[in-house]
Protein backbone atom coordinates (compact mmCIF):
# COMPACT_ATOMS: atom_id res chain seq x y z
CA MET A 1 0.09 -0.27 0.32
CA GLU A 2 2.65 2.87 0.58
CA THR A 3 4.39 1.82 -2.68
CA GLY A 4 1.08 2.52 -4.32
CA ASN A 5 1.04 5.85 -1.78
CA SER A 6 4.76 7.23 -2.94
CA LYS A 7 3.87 6.97 -6.86
CA PHE A 8 0.77 8.87 -6.21
CA TRP A 9 2.16 11.70 -4.61
CA LEU A 10 5.69 11.12 -6.96
CA GLY A 11 3.43 11.53 -9.99
CA LEU A 12 1.16 14.70 -8.20
CA GLY A 13 4.64 16.36 -7.49
CA LEU A 14 5.69 15.97 -10.86
CA GLY A 15 2.65 16.99 -12.52
CA SER A 16 2.08 19.86 -10.53
CA VAL A 17 5.82 21.23 -11.13
CA LEU A 18 5.50 20.14 -15.08
CA GLY A 19 2.30 22.10 -14.93
CA VAL A 20 3.74 25.17 -13.04
CA VAL A 21 6.83 25.26 -16.07
CA LEU A 22 4.43 24.93 -18.76
CA TYR A 23 2.60 27.86 -17.41
CA ARG A 24 5.12 30.14 -16.99
CA PHE A 25 6.27 29.19 -20.29
CA SER A 26 3.21 29.80 -21.95
CA CYS A 27 3.13 33.61 -20.35
CA SER A 28 6.43 34.48 -21.87
CA SER A 29 6.85 35.66 -25.52
CA LYS A 30 7.98 32.74 -26.69
CA GLY A 31 5.42 30.81 -25.57
CA LYS A 32 2.78 33.11 -27.24
CA GLN A 33 4.47 33.30 -30.23
CA LEU A 34 4.28 29.03 -30.30
CA LYS A 35 0.70 29.64 -29.42
CA GLU A 36 -0.11 31.79 -32.27
CA LYS A 37 2.17 29.52 -34.81
CA ALA A 38 -0.03 26.15 -33.44
CA CYS A 39 -2.91 28.41 -33.99
CA GLN A 40 -2.15 29.51 -37.11
CA THR A 41 -1.38 26.08 -38.40
CA PHE A 42 -4.33 24.28 -37.07
CA HIS A 43 -6.63 26.93 -39.19
CA LYS A 44 -4.38 26.03 -42.29
CA VAL A 45 -4.81 22.62 -41.88
CA SER A 46 -8.61 22.74 -41.25
CA GLU A 47 -9.35 24.85 -44.76
CA GLN A 48 -6.99 22.34 -46.42
CA ALA A 49 -9.57 20.02 -44.98
CA GLY A 50 -12.47 21.68 -45.96
CA ASP A 51 -11.14 21.85 -49.31
CA MET A 52 -10.21 18.25 -49.24
CA PHE A 53 -13.71 17.42 -48.10
CA ASP A 54 -15.86 19.47 -50.84
CA SER A 55 -13.12 17.86 -53.95
CA ALA A 56 -14.03 14.65 -52.66
CA LYS A 57 -17.59 15.39 -52.15
CA GLU A 58 -17.25 16.65 -56.00
CA LYS A 59 -15.34 13.72 -57.13
CA MET A 60 -18.11 11.47 -55.70
CA MET A 61 -20.95 12.99 -57.32
CA ASN A 62 -19.42 13.06 -60.74
CA THR A 63 -18.87 9.30 -60.27
CA GLY A 64 -22.16 8.58 -59.38
CA ALA A 65 -23.25 10.50 -62.10
CA LYS A 66 -21.24 8.12 -64.42
CA VAL A 67 -22.33 5.40 -63.35
CA ALA A 68 -25.80 5.79 -63.25
CA ASP A 69 -25.35 6.79 -66.93
CA LYS A 70 -23.54 3.40 -67.37
CA VAL A 71 -26.24 1.68 -65.61
CA ALA A 72 -29.06 3.49 -67.87
CA ASP A 73 -27.00 2.59 -70.91
CA GLN A 74 -26.72 -1.02 -70.03
CA THR A 75 -30.27 -1.19 -68.96
CA LEU A 76 -31.54 0.02 -71.94
CA TYR A 77 -29.11 -2.45 -74.36
CA MET A 78 -30.73 -5.35 -72.28
CA ALA A 79 -34.37 -4.09 -72.71
CA GLU A 80 -33.44 -4.17 -76.50
CA LYS A 81 -32.17 -7.50 -76.89
CA ALA A 82 -35.46 -8.70 -74.47
CA ASP A 83 -37.45 -6.68 -76.92
CA ASN A 84 -35.64 -8.70 -79.99
CA LEU A 85 -36.13 -12.06 -78.07
CA LYS A 86 -39.93 -11.54 -77.64
CA ASN A 87 -39.81 -10.44 -81.23
CA LYS A 88 -38.22 -13.96 -82.31
CA VAL A 89 -40.11 -15.52 -80.11
CA HIS A 90 -43.32 -14.52 -81.71
CA ASP A 91 -42.19 -14.61 -84.83
CA PHE A 92 -41.53 -18.34 -84.55
CA VAL A 93 -45.20 -18.81 -83.04
CA ASP A 94 -46.55 -17.43 -86.06
CA GLU A 95 -44.43 -19.60 -88.32
CA ALA A 96 -44.86 -22.37 -86.06
CA LYS A 97 -49.09 -21.66 -86.61
CA LYS A 98 -49.14 -21.58 -90.80
């Protein structure tokens, strides 16, 4: 039990010291510059991600339209084949009745 307590207090102490150091750094001019650069980089990345999302959305819609056109063409082709087969069967039946 004592080992668990000592690890807890050691972690708490190190976390507190690290927090104070980071707070002091963030208040300094270098820390503020670093924070501004991080914000600018984050905004750039978010803008690029938005552009990439819009581009992907546009490509997806174009691909969907192409697929729909191909499906419609193939459906029309199959309908023509079925109509030709129907006509052949009717012609065969008419010849057989004569």
